[in-house]
Amino acid sequence: MDIYTDVLIVGCGVSGMYAALNINNNCKVVILSKSKTDECNTYLAQGGISRAKDKDDIDLFIQDTMKAGKDKNKEEAVRVLAEESIENINRLIGLGMDFDYKDGELDYTREGAHSINRIVHSTDETGKRVFETLFKQVKNRDNITIYEDTTLVDLLKFKGACCGGIVKRNNGVDFIHAKYTILASGGIGGLFLNSTNRRTMTGDGIAIALKNNIDVTNLGYIQFHPTALYENSSEERKFLISESLRGEGAKLFNINKQRFVNELLPRDIVAESIWDEERKTDSSFVYLDASFMDSEFIINRFPGIYKECKKRGIDVTNEPIPVTPVQHYFMGGIKVDLNSSTSMDNLYACGEVSCTGVHGANRLASNSLLEGLVFSRRAALDINKNINSKDIIPLKHNIKLKEAEEIIDSNLNSVLSEFKKVLGEKEHELINN
């Protein structure tokens, strides 16, 4: 089947939906979700969204981001992130996002490597609330169509430029012809045995970029979150214990109940310290303890963590939580400019699949949702400038279902092979085979 649209967006997380909402209303937009719409990593985000508290905080926000990123960041992109953070959070509020407030003002919390409290949140389910806010708006837009359970197989190309995508949907193959395409397909956590990510996040966008000779960069920049709930028997995605719990005062102890690290150091340092402690004590986990904190505060501020731990027999108000680092985020990806444009004409990339250079070698806590907002809006605004002068190129293809499935398998194998090469022996987790 041939489908014609002005803009094709691959991914239904914060980057994909926010981009769609910023495309001109008179343009047709198709959004693809590899599984169900809410099965994206945005939905899982707990801690919150970084935001410069005011103009005076912008330079400090930049410094914190650069320092956490080992000064491997692209400073120009970091400045864009910080300077446009206030506007985009305000736009999100305008779309209906309900953040937590205190005394009539946004309630800012703090996480690792932030110098001050500058993270806005909605209890410990910020990502879920962001998703619900954007999804409600998307459903109300007549110009936006969502296809669930739809996998991108490859890009449609004409004279080296992108003109849409080939997708597997409803046990068939569709050809979606578009003036512009945005890859917002998420990260790589599904490639790892232990990750906080959805298992469907298998680096599809990276595989397709590699296949089409689109520039990628920093594929070895992979972040491990220090505190995921330790569950020895679970093969499912690991449950994240938000850094904001440490930001509110929770402490880390080894199995001998000894403190060993400043909990608010950058993520890579805390994760490495936990691995070292596990090796020293011959243990598979350490403890994160919030039991000394006010129980009513914990239950109200962190209802998601409280409920999920309780399901597993752990009462966080009375006992410590066993935690260990697991794969969490990908800082590398498809190389893009400040408007999220890739090395292929008419193709953009936003969110975790892209590499804006914002995060450097180690992402500062709560900068992921912000990056998705800032740079997907930039992509949309850049597209809006020229979309009315573009034509849809109706290429003809004849790929059958079996061939499409073989391409999907090939994409997975190629991206697994690529990450095995860039990881070598230096990582502490096993990649899926």
Protein backbone atom coordinates (compact mmCIF):
# COMPACT_ATOMS: atom_id res chain seq x y z
CA MET A 1 0.00 0.00 0.00
CA ASP A 2 1.22 3.52 -0.79
CA ILE A 3 0.62 6.23 1.80
CA TYR A 4 1.31 9.90 1.08
CA THR A 5 2.05 12.48 3.78
CA ASP A 6 3.98 15.69 4.20
CA VAL A 7 6.02 14.50 7.19
CA LEU A 8 6.81 10.97 8.36
CA ILE A 9 7.88 10.65 12.01
CA VAL A 10 9.31 7.35 13.24
CA GLY A 11 8.74 7.14 16.98
CA CYS A 12 5.98 8.05 19.42
CA GLY A 13 7.99 9.36 22.38
CA VAL A 14 8.50 12.96 23.45
CA SER A 15 10.61 13.83 20.39
CA GLY A 16 8.25 12.33 17.84
CA MET A 17 5.03 13.74 19.25
CA TYR A 18 6.41 17.18 20.12
CA ALA A 19 7.84 17.47 16.61
CA ALA A 20 4.43 16.57 15.17
CA LEU A 21 2.71 19.21 17.31
CA ASN A 22 5.12 21.86 16.03
CA ILE A 23 4.65 21.04 12.33
CA ASN A 24 2.29 23.45 10.55
CA ASN A 25 -1.33 22.42 11.09
CA ASN A 26 -2.04 22.43 7.36
CA CYS A 27 0.53 19.66 6.80
CA LYS A 28 -0.25 15.96 7.00
CA VAL A 29 1.84 14.05 9.54
CA VAL A 30 2.16 10.29 10.02
CA ILE A 31 3.68 8.96 13.27
CA LEU A 32 4.87 5.35 13.52
CA SER A 33 5.07 3.37 16.75
CA LYS A 34 6.99 0.09 16.65
CA SER A 35 4.63 -1.35 19.29
CA LYS A 36 1.84 0.38 21.23
CA THR A 37 2.11 4.13 21.54
CA ASP A 38 2.81 4.14 25.29
CA GLU A 39 5.55 1.52 25.01
CA CYS A 40 8.27 4.13 24.63
CA ASN A 41 11.06 5.16 26.97
CA THR A 42 9.50 8.59 27.48
CA TYR A 43 6.66 6.90 29.38
CA LEU A 44 9.17 5.38 31.81
CA ALA A 45 11.07 8.56 32.72
CA GLN A 46 10.76 9.24 36.43
CA GLY A 47 12.95 12.06 37.69
CA GLY A 48 11.90 15.12 35.73
CA ILE A 49 13.07 17.67 33.17
CA SER A 50 15.99 20.06 33.62
CA ARG A 51 15.24 23.75 33.15
CA ALA A 52 17.26 26.86 33.69
CA LYS A 53 15.52 28.50 36.65
CA ASP A 54 16.01 31.91 35.06
CA LYS A 55 18.37 33.72 32.69
CA ASP A 56 20.98 34.01 35.43
CA ASP A 57 21.10 30.20 35.71
CA ILE A 58 21.82 29.56 32.02
CA ASP A 59 25.61 29.73 32.26
CA LEU A 60 25.72 27.52 35.35
CA PHE A 61 23.39 25.02 33.66
CA ILE A 62 25.80 24.94 30.71
CA GLN A 63 28.77 24.42 33.03
CA ASP A 64 27.04 21.53 34.85
CA THR A 65 26.13 19.84 31.57
CA MET A 66 29.65 20.22 30.18
CA LYS A 67 31.29 18.97 33.36
CA ALA A 68 29.05 15.89 33.56
CA GLY A 69 29.76 15.20 29.89
CA LYS A 70 33.54 15.19 30.46
CA ASP A 71 33.79 18.32 28.29
CA LYS A 72 33.16 16.11 25.27
CA ASN A 73 29.95 18.04 24.62
CA LYS A 74 29.28 20.34 21.70
CA GLU A 75 29.13 23.63 23.60
CA GLU A 76 27.04 25.40 20.97
CA ALA A 77 24.35 22.71 21.32
CA VAL A 78 24.50 22.86 25.12
CA ARG A 79 23.90 26.60 24.99
CA VAL A 80 20.87 26.08 22.74
CA LEU A 81 19.54 23.50 25.21
CA ALA A 82 19.93 25.80 28.20
CA GLU A 83 18.71 28.98 26.52
CA GLU A 84 15.60 27.35 25.05
CA SER A 85 14.75 25.25 28.11
CA ILE A 86 12.46 27.81 29.74
CA GLU A 87 10.46 28.45 26.56
CA ASN A 88 9.89 24.75 25.89
CA ILE A 89 8.87 23.92 29.45
CA ASN A 90 6.41 26.81 29.28
CA ARG A 91 5.09 25.47 25.96
CA LEU A 92 4.67 22.04 27.54
CA ILE A 93 2.72 23.60 30.41
CA GLY A 94 0.60 25.41 27.81
CA LEU A 95 -0.23 22.05 26.25
CA GLY A 96 -1.59 20.88 29.61
CA MET A 97 1.40 19.40 31.44
CA ASP A 98 0.80 19.35 35.19
CA PHE A 99 4.08 19.76 37.07
CA ASP A 100 4.40 19.77 40.84
CA TYR A 101 4.18 23.20 42.48
CA LYS A 102 5.11 24.50 45.92
CA ASP A 103 3.75 27.77 47.27
CA GLY A 104 2.45 28.63 43.81
CA GLU A 105 5.83 28.16 42.10
CA LEU A 106 7.34 25.23 40.22
CA ASP A 107 8.82 22.77 42.71
CA TYR A 108 12.43 22.24 41.63
CA THR A 109 14.39 19.20 42.74
CA ARG A 110 18.04 18.28 42.33
CA GLU A 111 19.85 15.29 40.85
CA GLY A 112 23.44 14.19 40.42
CA ALA A 113 25.96 16.75 39.06
CA HIS A 114 23.49 19.66 39.17
CA SER A 115 24.80 22.59 41.22
CA ILE A 116 21.32 23.72 42.22
CA ASN A 117 17.73 22.51 42.26
CA ARG A 118 16.54 23.06 38.67
CA ILE A 119 14.52 19.95 37.76
CA VAL A 120 10.76 20.23 37.31
CA HIS A 121 8.76 17.08 37.90
CA SER A 122 5.37 15.45 38.32
CA THR A 123 5.85 13.15 41.32
CA ASP A 124 8.12 10.34 40.05
CA GLU A 125 6.05 9.76 36.89
CA THR A 126 7.13 12.79 34.87
CA GLY A 127 7.64 10.87 31.64
CA LYS A 128 4.23 9.24 31.86
CA ARG A 129 2.58 12.64 32.36
CA VAL A 130 4.56 14.16 29.48
CA PHE A 131 3.51 11.30 27.22
CA GLU A 132 -0.16 11.62 28.23
CA THR A 133 -0.10 15.40 27.70
CA LEU A 134 1.41 15.17 24.21
CA PHE A 135 -0.64 12.14 23.18
CA LYS A 136 -3.89 13.91 24.11
CA GLN A 137 -2.89 16.85 21.91
CA VAL A 138 -1.80 14.60 19.03
CA LYS A 139 -5.13 12.74 19.06
CA ASN A 140 -6.96 16.05 18.81
CA ARG A 141 -5.08 17.14 15.68
CA ASP A 142 -6.89 16.23 12.47
CA ASN A 143 -3.65 16.44 10.48
CA ILE A 144 -1.83 13.74 12.51
CA THR A 145 -2.26 9.98 12.01
CA ILE A 146 -0.62 7.31 14.21
CA TYR A 147 0.14 3.77 13.07
CA GLU A 148 0.88 1.33 15.89
CA ASP A 149 2.73 -2.00 15.61
CA THR A 150 4.61 -0.63 12.61
CA THR A 151 8.33 -1.24 12.05
CA LEU A 152 10.53 0.87 9.81
CA VAL A 153 12.31 -1.47 7.39
CA ASP A 154 14.32 1.05 5.37
CA LEU A 155 14.23 4.56 3.93
CA LEU A 156 12.85 5.51 0.56
CA LYS A 157 15.48 7.45 -1.36
CA PHE A 158 15.67 9.45 -4.58
CA LYS A 159 18.98 10.87 -5.86
CA GLY A 160 20.52 10.48 -2.41
CA ALA A 161 17.71 12.27 -0.56
CA CYS A 162 15.16 10.72 1.79
CA CYS A 163 11.59 10.67 0.51
CA GLY A 164 9.86 8.47 3.07
CA GLY A 165 10.08 4.99 4.49
CA ILE A 166 9.31 1.33 3.91
CA VAL A 167 7.40 -0.20 6.82
CA LYS A 168 6.08 -3.55 7.94
CA ARG A 169 2.48 -3.20 9.13
CA ASN A 170 -0.52 -5.54 9.43
CA ASN A 171 1.47 -8.49 8.07
CA GLY A 172 2.20 -6.51 4.94
CA VAL A 173 4.57 -3.91 3.56
CA ASP A 174 3.59 -0.27 3.10
CA PHE A 175 5.45 2.54 1.36
CA ILE A 176 5.07 5.90 3.08
CA HIS A 177 6.02 8.75 0.74
CA ALA A 178 6.92 12.00 2.53
CA LYS A 179 8.51 15.36 1.87
CA TYR A 180 10.45 15.08 5.12
CA THR A 181 11.20 12.23 7.53
CA ILE A 182 12.13 12.47 11.20
CA LEU A 183 13.77 9.52 12.96
CA ALA A 184 12.78 9.62 16.63
CA SER A 185 13.04 5.88 17.18
CA GLY A 186 14.76 5.84 20.56
CA GLY A 187 17.77 4.09 22.00
CA ILE A 188 19.59 0.78 22.16
CA GLY A 189 18.65 -0.75 25.54
CA GLY A 190 16.97 -3.77 24.00
CA LEU A 191 20.40 -4.87 22.77
CA PHE A 192 21.53 -5.38 26.38
CA LEU A 193 20.72 -8.17 28.79
CA ASN A 194 20.18 -5.64 31.57
CA SER A 195 18.62 -2.28 30.75
CA THR A 196 15.94 0.10 32.01
CA ASN A 197 14.74 0.49 28.40
CA ARG A 198 11.81 -1.10 26.63
CA ARG A 199 12.93 -4.37 25.06
CA THR A 200 11.78 -3.09 21.65
CA MET A 201 14.47 -0.37 21.70
CA THR A 202 17.00 -2.20 19.54
CA GLY A 203 18.79 0.61 17.74
CA ASP A 204 16.67 0.42 14.59
CA GLY A 205 17.43 4.02 13.62
CA ILE A 206 21.17 3.46 14.01
CA ALA A 207 21.00 0.29 11.89
CA ILE A 208 19.17 2.11 9.11
CA ALA A 209 21.62 5.01 9.28
CA LEU A 210 24.57 2.61 8.98
CA LYS A 211 22.90 0.84 6.07
CA ASN A 212 22.37 4.10 4.20
CA ASN A 213 25.78 5.64 4.94
CA ILE A 214 24.26 8.39 7.08
CA ASP A 215 26.79 9.94 9.45
CA VAL A 216 26.81 8.53 12.98
CA THR A 217 29.08 9.48 15.86
CA ASN A 218 30.18 8.49 19.38
CA LEU A 219 28.64 5.01 19.28
CA GLY A 220 30.70 4.06 22.33
CA TYR A 221 29.04 6.70 24.54
CA ILE A 222 26.68 4.45 26.50
CA GLN A 223 25.39 5.40 29.94
CA PHE A 224 24.75 3.02 32.81
CA HIS A 225 22.34 4.28 35.45
CA PRO A 226 23.74 3.68 38.95
CA THR A 227 20.51 2.63 40.65
CA ALA A 228 18.22 0.10 39.03
CA LEU A 229 16.34 -2.30 41.29
CA TYR A 230 18.35 -5.51 41.61
CA GLU A 231 16.29 -8.52 40.57
CA ASN A 232 18.42 -11.59 39.97
CA SER A 233 15.67 -13.70 38.42
CA SER A 234 14.10 -11.12 36.08
CA GLU A 235 14.83 -11.13 32.35
CA GLU A 236 12.52 -8.18 31.75
CA ARG A 237 13.62 -4.56 31.64
CA LYS A 238 14.99 -3.39 34.97
CA PHE A 239 12.99 -1.03 37.15
CA LEU A 240 14.71 2.32 37.55
CA ILE A 241 15.08 3.88 40.99
CA SER A 242 15.12 7.54 40.06
CA GLU A 243 18.14 9.71 40.76
CA SER A 244 15.71 12.20 42.25
CA LEU A 245 15.35 9.90 45.27
CA ARG A 246 19.05 10.51 45.93
CA GLY A 247 18.46 14.17 45.15
CA GLU A 248 15.96 14.28 48.00
CA GLY A 249 18.44 12.69 50.40
CA ALA A 250 18.55 8.88 49.98
CA LYS A 251 21.96 7.34 50.74
CA LEU A 252 24.02 4.53 49.21
CA PHE A 253 25.54 1.80 51.42
CA ASN A 254 27.39 -1.40 50.63
CA ILE A 255 26.14 -4.76 51.93
CA ASN A 256 28.09 -4.10 55.14
CA LYS A 257 26.04 -0.93 55.63
CA GLN A 258 29.02 1.36 54.93
CA ARG A 259 28.76 4.53 52.82
CA PHE A 260 31.23 4.68 49.96
CA VAL A 261 30.38 7.52 47.53
CA ASN A 262 28.84 10.98 47.25
CA GLU A 263 25.42 10.12 45.84
CA LEU A 264 25.18 13.31 43.77
CA LEU A 265 28.30 12.90 41.67
CA PRO A 266 27.84 12.35 37.90
CA ARG A 267 26.23 9.06 36.93
CA ASP A 268 29.30 7.42 35.47
CA ILE A 269 31.30 8.05 38.65
CA VAL A 270 28.56 6.73 40.93
CA ALA A 271 28.01 3.66 38.72
CA GLU A 272 31.75 2.89 38.67
CA SER A 273 31.92 3.29 42.45
CA ILE A 274 29.04 0.82 42.88
CA TRP A 275 30.71 -1.74 40.61
CA ASP A 276 33.95 -1.34 42.58
CA GLU A 277 32.09 -1.83 45.86
CA GLU A 278 30.33 -4.92 44.55
CA ARG A 279 33.67 -6.41 43.56
CA LYS A 280 35.25 -5.59 46.92
CA THR A 281 32.37 -7.11 48.89
CA ASP A 282 31.68 -10.02 46.50
CA SER A 283 28.10 -8.86 46.06
CA SER A 284 25.73 -8.31 43.15
CA PHE A 285 24.20 -5.13 44.56
CA VAL A 286 24.46 -2.28 47.05
CA TYR A 287 21.70 -0.63 49.09
CA LEU A 288 19.91 2.66 48.48
CA ASP A 289 18.32 3.71 51.75
CA ALA A 290 15.49 6.22 52.14
CA SER A 291 13.94 4.59 55.20
CA PHE A 292 15.16 7.40 57.48
CA MET A 293 13.13 9.93 55.50
CA ASP A 294 9.54 10.90 56.30
CA SER A 295 7.35 8.04 55.10
CA GLU A 296 4.45 10.26 54.02
CA PHE A 297 6.84 12.37 51.93
CA ILE A 298 8.25 9.26 50.22
CA ILE A 299 4.81 7.85 49.42
CA ASN A 300 3.53 11.16 48.02
CA ARG A 301 6.70 12.27 46.23
CA PHE A 302 7.66 8.84 44.85
CA PRO A 303 4.40 6.90 44.45
CA GLY A 304 5.66 4.90 41.47
CA ILE A 305 8.82 3.73 43.21
CA TYR A 306 6.91 2.99 46.42
CA LYS A 307 4.25 0.91 44.65
CA GLU A 308 6.64 -1.00 42.36
CA CYS A 309 8.98 -1.88 45.22
CA LYS A 310 6.02 -2.88 47.40
CA LYS A 311 4.90 -5.29 44.65
CA ARG A 312 8.29 -6.94 45.00
CA GLY A 313 8.07 -7.18 48.78
CA ILE A 314 10.17 -4.12 49.58
CA ASP A 315 8.78 -1.32 51.75
CA VAL A 316 11.05 1.62 50.95
CA THR A 317 9.79 3.53 54.00
CA ASN A 318 11.18 0.82 56.31
CA GLU A 319 14.03 -0.93 54.51
CA PRO A 320 16.78 -0.25 51.96
CA ILE A 321 16.45 -1.03 48.24
CA PRO A 322 18.96 -3.39 46.58
CA VAL A 323 20.29 -1.60 43.48
CA THR A 324 22.92 -2.05 40.78
CA PRO A 325 23.92 -0.19 37.60
CA VAL A 326 22.36 -1.23 34.28
CA GLN A 327 22.37 0.17 30.75
CA HIS A 328 20.15 3.23 30.62
CA TYR A 329 20.90 5.76 27.87
CA PHE A 330 22.77 6.26 24.62
CA MET A 331 24.62 9.56 24.15
CA GLY A 332 25.93 8.76 20.65
CA GLY A 333 23.80 8.30 17.56
CA ILE A 334 22.98 9.81 14.20
CA LYS A 335 25.03 12.96 13.79
CA VAL A 336 22.83 16.07 13.49
CA ASP A 337 23.23 19.83 13.38
CA LEU A 338 21.50 22.36 15.64
CA ASN A 339 18.25 21.91 13.69
CA SER A 340 18.44 18.09 13.98
CA SER A 341 19.24 17.70 10.28
CA THR A 342 21.27 14.61 9.30
CA SER A 343 23.82 14.13 6.52
CA MET A 344 21.00 12.90 4.23
CA ASP A 345 18.81 15.56 2.64
CA ASN A 346 15.21 15.74 3.92
CA LEU A 347 16.03 13.49 6.91
CA TYR A 348 16.09 14.63 10.53
CA ALA A 349 16.82 12.76 13.76
CA CYS A 350 15.67 13.70 17.27
CA GLY A 351 15.92 12.32 20.77
CA GLU A 352 18.02 9.36 21.83
CA VAL A 353 18.60 8.09 18.28
CA SER A 354 20.40 11.35 17.47
CA CYS A 355 23.66 12.85 18.65
CA THR A 356 23.32 16.61 19.02
CA GLY A 357 26.50 16.71 21.11
CA VAL A 358 24.54 18.00 24.09
CA HIS A 359 25.42 15.14 26.44
CA GLY A 360 29.07 14.59 25.66
CA ALA A 361 30.37 11.32 27.11
CA ASN A 362 27.93 11.23 30.04
CA ARG A 363 24.42 12.69 30.16
CA LEU A 364 23.55 15.08 32.94
CA ALA A 365 20.50 13.85 34.83
CA SER A 366 17.10 14.91 33.45
CA ASN A 367 18.51 16.42 30.26
CA SER A 368 17.01 13.70 28.03
CA LEU A 369 13.38 14.85 27.91
CA LEU A 370 14.59 18.44 27.57
CA GLU A 371 16.79 17.54 24.59
CA GLY A 372 13.79 15.80 23.01
CA LEU A 373 11.68 18.93 23.40
CA VAL A 374 14.23 21.52 22.31
CA PHE A 375 15.67 19.79 19.26
CA SER A 376 12.47 18.21 17.94
CA ARG A 377 10.86 21.66 17.92
CA ARG A 378 13.91 22.98 16.07
CA ALA A 379 13.50 20.21 13.50
CA ALA A 380 9.82 21.04 13.04
CA LEU A 381 10.45 24.76 12.65
CA ASP A 382 13.20 24.06 10.09
CA ILE A 383 10.84 21.80 8.15
CA ASN A 384 8.08 24.42 8.24
CA LYS A 385 10.31 26.91 6.39
CA ASN A 386 10.42 24.91 3.17
CA ILE A 387 7.65 22.33 3.26
CA ASN A 388 5.22 24.22 1.04
CA SER A 389 7.77 24.36 -1.76
CA LYS A 390 8.53 20.62 -1.60
CA ASP A 391 6.90 17.86 -3.63
CA ILE A 392 6.24 14.27 -2.60
CA ILE A 393 8.20 11.87 -4.82
CA PRO A 394 6.02 8.77 -5.44
CA LEU A 395 8.69 6.10 -5.87
CA LYS A 396 7.59 2.61 -6.87
CA HIS A 397 8.81 -0.42 -4.92
CA ASN A 398 7.90 -4.06 -4.83
CA ILE A 399 9.22 -5.48 -1.55
CA LYS A 400 7.29 -8.47 -0.24
CA LEU A 401 6.70 -9.36 3.42
CA LYS A 402 9.35 -12.09 3.58
CA GLU A 403 11.99 -9.78 2.12
CA ALA A 404 11.01 -7.02 4.56
CA GLU A 405 11.34 -9.42 7.50
CA GLU A 406 14.78 -10.48 6.25
CA ILE A 407 15.83 -6.82 6.10
CA ILE A 408 14.62 -6.26 9.67
CA ASP A 409 16.67 -9.24 10.86
CA SER A 410 19.67 -7.96 8.93
CA ASN A 411 19.28 -4.52 10.53
CA LEU A 412 19.31 -6.07 14.01
CA ASN A 413 22.35 -8.21 13.27
CA SER A 414 24.27 -5.26 11.82
CA VAL A 415 23.61 -2.99 14.79
CA LEU A 416 24.49 -5.77 17.26
CA SER A 417 27.74 -6.32 15.40
CA GLU A 418 28.51 -2.60 15.40
CA PHE A 419 28.01 -2.19 19.13
CA LYS A 420 30.02 -5.30 19.91
CA LYS A 421 32.87 -3.66 17.98
CA VAL A 422 32.69 -0.31 19.76
CA LEU A 423 32.19 -1.81 23.22
CA GLY A 424 34.96 -4.38 23.17
CA GLU A 425 35.77 -5.59 26.69
CA LYS A 426 35.36 -2.30 28.53
CA GLU A 427 31.71 -2.53 29.54
CA HIS A 428 30.44 -4.32 32.60
CA GLU A 429 27.28 -5.75 31.06
CA LEU A 430 26.78 -8.39 28.42
CA ILE A 431 25.17 -7.41 25.15
CA ASN A 432 22.45 -9.73 23.84
CA ASN A 433 23.57 -12.40 21.39
